[in-house]
Every structure is written in structure tokens, then in C-alpha cells.
Amino acid sequence: MFIGGSITGDVLVRVLATGTFDLLHPGHIHYLSEAKKLGDELYVIVARESMIRHKPRPIITDEQRLEMVSSLKIVDNALLGSESDIFDPIMQIMPDIIALGYDQGFDASQLENDLHSRGFDCKVVRIDSSLECSLCGSAKIVKKVLERYQE
């Protein structure tokens, strides 16, 4: 029975990306594509509405955001985040690398220290590049929709 690693016996590198993914847009695809390049398997944690405190609540439900992210070809596995402790799903996934988006508010070195203190042996990497486009952000999309329908 084949459990893990590649057929040649190499160990697969598991990458974890996280986010709200409300109003999925090209910037999300860029972030996830860059994260996927860091390893072999891309896992994505979709933040639950109940845990989002740093920006407005999502418009799309938790389950629908999860379904959208799960349907992307570059994503190997997606799951909803915890409703109490952001580290719970990380324990389930056991990533080798956690990829942060260029605009995510985490301090990468502090997060890596917090992970190590909890017994996780993984590296935290920030995706520094962003996709240059006029609608690569949920807030930009909402603003454009409002402008269009207020005319």
C-alpha cells in the first residue's frame, strides 16, 4: 500500500496557504500558484467567518468559499479553518512550508517561532510578489461593482 512520498521514494513537500478567499480573483490564483511552486502538494485553509477580525466579514459563506477553492486545479486539498485555534488544522496537515501572501498581516518570523514552540517543524515563507491588475482584491471588486451600479 502506498502511503506517502513519491513513487521513487522521495518525500513530498507539503505547502500550506491560508486566506479568506472571498470574491475569488486573479490575485488569489497568483498567490496559490506561487505557493504551489514551493513544493509538491498544496493544502489551503479557508478562514471561517467567525475567525475573521482584521477585515469586513466575507460576503460568500464558508462552505461556498471552500467549494470554490477546492475546485481550483492547483489546490490538492482544501479545508475550513478552526473556529477556535488557528493551529488546529495545521496539526492535521503537518506542512513543511507555510506560504503567506504579500498582504497577509502575519509577521513571518513570529509565526515561525510560534509554530516551533508548538512542536511544528515547518518554514514560513512570504510570497512577496503580487499580480498587477485593476481587480486583484475583493475590496477593489466591490468598489468597481458599486461604481457601475450607481451610474
Protein backbone atom coordinates (compact mmCIF):
# COMPACT_ATOMS: atom_id res chain seq x y z
CA MET A 1 0.00 0.00 0.00
CA PHE A 2 1.33 3.46 -0.97
CA ILE A 3 1.11 5.89 1.96
CA GLY A 4 3.20 8.96 1.21
CA GLY A 5 6.08 10.34 -0.76
CA SER A 6 6.53 9.82 -4.45
CA ILE A 7 6.71 6.51 -6.27
CA THR A 8 10.51 6.89 -6.41
CA GLY A 9 10.64 7.13 -2.62
CA ASP A 10 11.28 10.87 -2.47
CA VAL A 11 9.50 12.74 0.29
CA LEU A 12 6.81 15.12 -0.94
CA VAL A 13 6.97 18.71 0.25
CA ARG A 14 3.61 19.83 1.61
CA VAL A 15 2.84 23.54 1.31
CA LEU A 16 0.05 25.29 3.20
CA ALA A 17 -1.61 28.52 2.10
CA THR A 18 -4.34 30.30 4.02
CA GLY A 19 -6.85 33.03 3.37
CA THR A 20 -10.42 34.23 3.30
CA PHE A 21 -10.85 33.83 -0.47
CA ASP A 22 -13.99 35.94 -0.58
CA LEU A 23 -14.80 37.01 -4.13
CA LEU A 24 -12.15 34.79 -5.70
CA HIS A 25 -9.99 36.86 -8.08
CA PRO A 26 -6.75 36.69 -10.13
CA GLY A 27 -4.67 37.80 -7.13
CA HIS A 28 -5.76 34.67 -5.25
CA ILE A 29 -4.79 32.49 -8.20
CA HIS A 30 -1.37 34.16 -8.33
CA TYR A 31 -0.81 33.62 -4.58
CA LEU A 32 -1.83 29.96 -4.75
CA SER A 33 0.22 29.34 -7.91
CA GLU A 34 3.32 30.84 -6.29
CA ALA A 35 2.70 28.79 -3.13
CA LYS A 36 2.35 25.59 -5.19
CA LYS A 37 5.80 26.23 -6.74
CA LEU A 38 7.34 25.86 -3.26
CA GLY A 39 6.53 22.15 -3.02
CA ASP A 40 4.63 19.16 -4.32
CA GLU A 41 1.26 19.30 -2.56
CA LEU A 42 -0.76 22.45 -1.92
CA TYR A 43 -3.14 22.48 1.02
CA VAL A 44 -5.33 25.52 1.59
CA ILE A 45 -7.08 26.57 4.78
CA VAL A 46 -10.11 28.75 4.09
CA ALA A 47 -10.71 31.03 7.07
CA ARG A 48 -14.04 30.73 8.81
CA GLU A 49 -16.13 33.88 9.01
CA SER A 50 -16.24 33.57 12.81
CA MET A 51 -12.43 33.91 12.98
CA ILE A 52 -12.00 36.89 10.64
CA ARG A 53 -11.40 40.03 12.67
CA HIS A 54 -8.95 42.03 10.57
CA LYS A 55 -11.30 42.98 7.73
CA PRO A 56 -15.01 43.00 6.84
CA ARG A 57 -16.92 39.74 7.08
CA PRO A 58 -16.97 37.69 3.86
CA ILE A 59 -19.91 38.00 1.51
CA ILE A 60 -19.69 34.35 0.42
CA THR A 61 -20.42 31.61 3.00
CA ASP A 62 -17.66 29.46 4.49
CA GLU A 63 -18.84 26.36 2.63
CA GLN A 64 -19.11 28.13 -0.74
CA ARG A 65 -15.66 29.69 -0.39
CA LEU A 66 -14.29 26.25 0.45
CA GLU A 67 -16.02 24.75 -2.60
CA MET A 68 -14.55 27.44 -4.89
CA VAL A 69 -11.01 26.97 -3.59
CA SER A 70 -11.34 23.17 -3.71
CA SER A 71 -12.30 23.33 -7.37
CA LEU A 72 -9.03 25.01 -8.41
CA LYS A 73 -6.64 22.66 -10.27
CA ILE A 74 -3.59 23.86 -8.36
CA VAL A 75 -5.14 23.01 -4.98
CA ASP A 76 -4.60 19.44 -3.82
CA ASN A 77 -6.69 19.70 -0.67
CA ALA A 78 -8.70 22.47 0.96
CA LEU A 79 -10.41 22.63 4.31
CA LEU A 80 -12.11 25.12 6.57
CA GLY A 81 -10.10 26.60 9.38
CA SER A 82 -10.79 26.05 13.04
CA GLU A 83 -13.43 28.05 14.89
CA SER A 84 -11.23 28.31 17.98
CA ASP A 85 -7.50 27.83 17.30
CA ILE A 86 -5.75 28.62 14.01
CA PHE A 87 -3.13 25.98 14.80
CA ASP A 88 -5.62 23.05 14.92
CA PRO A 89 -5.83 22.43 11.16
CA ILE A 90 -2.06 22.89 10.85
CA MET A 91 -1.69 19.90 13.19
CA GLN A 92 -3.90 17.90 10.82
CA ILE A 93 -1.98 18.94 7.68
CA MET A 94 1.59 18.92 9.06
CA PRO A 95 3.01 21.20 6.35
CA ASP A 96 6.69 21.56 5.52
CA ILE A 97 6.15 25.15 4.36
CA ILE A 98 3.52 27.76 5.15
CA ALA A 99 3.18 30.34 2.39
CA LEU A 100 1.93 33.79 3.40
CA GLY A 101 0.52 36.20 0.86
CA TYR A 102 2.30 39.50 0.30
CA ASP A 103 -0.51 41.35 2.11
CA GLN A 104 -1.25 38.96 4.96
CA GLY A 105 -0.76 40.62 8.33
CA PHE A 106 1.29 37.86 9.96
CA ASP A 107 4.87 38.52 11.00
CA ALA A 108 6.60 35.57 9.27
CA SER A 109 9.39 35.14 11.83
CA GLN A 110 6.99 35.43 14.78
CA LEU A 111 4.65 32.87 13.20
CA GLU A 112 7.57 30.52 12.61
CA ASN A 113 8.61 30.90 16.28
CA ASP A 114 5.01 30.26 17.44
CA LEU A 115 4.84 27.15 15.25
CA HIS A 116 8.18 25.83 16.56
CA SER A 117 7.09 26.41 20.16
CA ARG A 118 4.03 24.26 19.43
CA GLY A 119 6.20 21.48 18.02
CA PHE A 120 5.79 22.18 14.30
CA ASP A 121 8.89 21.82 12.17
CA CYS A 122 7.99 23.97 9.20
CA LYS A 123 9.29 27.01 7.39
CA VAL A 124 7.25 30.18 6.86
CA VAL A 125 7.73 31.89 3.50
CA ARG A 126 6.18 35.13 2.32
CA ILE A 127 5.09 35.36 -1.31
CA ASP A 128 6.45 38.83 -1.99
CA SER A 129 5.04 39.30 -5.45
CA SER A 130 1.55 40.45 -6.23
CA LEU A 131 -0.28 40.32 -9.51
CA GLU A 132 -0.59 43.75 -11.04
CA CYS A 133 -4.18 44.10 -12.16
CA SER A 134 -7.00 46.52 -11.53
CA LEU A 135 -9.29 43.94 -9.90
CA CYS A 136 -6.90 41.84 -7.82
CA GLY A 137 -8.56 42.43 -4.49
CA SER A 138 -12.02 41.85 -3.08
CA ALA A 139 -12.31 45.49 -1.97
CA LYS A 140 -11.38 46.65 -5.48
CA ILE A 141 -14.03 44.38 -6.96
CA VAL A 142 -16.71 45.64 -4.57
CA LYS A 143 -15.77 49.26 -5.33
CA LYS A 144 -15.99 48.64 -9.09
CA VAL A 145 -19.38 46.92 -8.77
CA LEU A 146 -20.72 49.81 -6.67
CA GLU A 147 -19.42 52.37 -9.18
CA ARG A 148 -21.03 50.51 -12.07
CA TYR A 149 -24.44 50.19 -10.47
CA GLN A 150 -24.52 53.73 -9.06
CA GLU A 151 -24.22 55.20 -12.57
